[in-house]
Protein backbone atom coordinates (compact mmCIF):
# COMPACT_ATOMS: atom_id res chain seq x y z
CA MET A 1 126.38 118.32 116.82
CA SER A 2 125.71 115.37 117.64
CA ASN A 3 127.30 113.76 120.44
CA GLY A 4 125.90 110.36 119.81
CA VAL A 5 123.68 110.25 121.91
CA ASN A 6 119.89 109.47 120.31
CA GLU A 7 117.77 112.57 120.67
CA ASN A 8 114.68 111.08 120.58
CA PRO A 9 112.22 109.47 123.10
CA GLU A 10 112.12 106.26 124.01
CA TRP A 11 108.62 106.15 123.12
CA VAL A 12 109.37 107.20 119.06
CA THR A 13 111.58 104.27 119.44
CA ARG A 14 111.44 101.42 120.94
CA GLY A 15 108.68 99.90 118.48
CA LYS A 16 105.42 97.91 118.84
CA THR A 17 104.77 94.32 119.14
CA ILE A 18 102.21 92.33 117.10
CA LYS A 19 99.90 92.05 119.61
CA GLN A 20 100.66 95.46 120.39
CA LEU A 21 99.28 97.85 117.29
CA ILE A 22 96.44 95.22 117.09
CA LYS A 23 95.08 97.05 120.41
CA GLU A 24 96.26 100.28 119.53
CA LEU A 25 93.75 99.23 116.00
CA GLN A 26 90.72 98.10 117.60
CA THR A 27 90.47 101.45 119.43
CA PHE A 28 89.60 103.21 116.40
CA GLU A 29 85.52 103.19 116.57
CA ASP A 30 85.71 103.48 112.37
CA GLN A 31 87.44 99.61 111.41
CA GLY A 32 86.42 100.04 107.87
CA LEU A 33 89.74 102.74 107.83
CA GLU A 34 91.97 102.54 105.35
CA VAL A 35 95.05 101.74 106.90
CA LYS A 36 98.66 104.65 105.84
CA ILE A 37 102.22 104.48 106.63
CA SER A 38 104.75 107.54 107.00
CA VAL A 39 108.79 107.57 108.13
CA ASP A 40 108.51 111.45 107.85
CA GLY A 41 106.38 112.53 110.97
CA GLY A 42 103.31 112.30 108.42
CA GLU A 43 104.38 114.72 106.15
CA SER A 44 103.16 112.15 103.48
CA SER A 45 101.59 108.50 103.88
CA LYS A 46 101.63 105.26 101.70
CA CYS A 47 99.48 102.75 101.33
CA ILE A 48 100.15 99.59 102.20
CA SER A 49 100.43 97.66 100.27
CA LEU A 50 101.40 93.96 101.62
CA VAL A 51 102.63 92.36 104.92
CA GLY A 52 105.56 90.66 105.58
CA LYS A 53 108.08 88.23 107.21
CA GLU A 54 111.70 89.46 107.29
CA HIS A 55 114.82 88.54 109.07
CA GLU A 56 116.72 91.56 110.55
CA ASN A 57 119.60 90.09 111.85
CA GLY A 58 118.81 87.14 112.52
CA GLU A 59 114.94 87.61 114.31
CA ALA A 60 111.50 87.36 112.09
CA VAL A 61 110.03 90.71 112.20
CA CYS A 62 106.71 92.33 110.67
CA LEU A 63 107.39 94.24 107.87
CA LEU A 64 104.74 97.07 106.58
CA ILE A 65 105.23 97.36 102.60
CA ASN A 66 104.84 99.52 99.83
CA CYS A 67 104.72 99.00 96.25
CA GLU A 68 104.50 101.68 95.00
């Protein structure tokens, strides 16, 4: 039963900036690897079709988009 407290650790929910994401991606030796995204903990994944800008609650965000 949920008591209204977020049960996920902070690293799961705090997100990344573009700068942090680029730094992490640069650690991959093979920069030719395909990038995919998963929204179910890695059970399934989809390719990233587009990278877009969107406003969320009045703030601009970088949005990774799958167009399938």
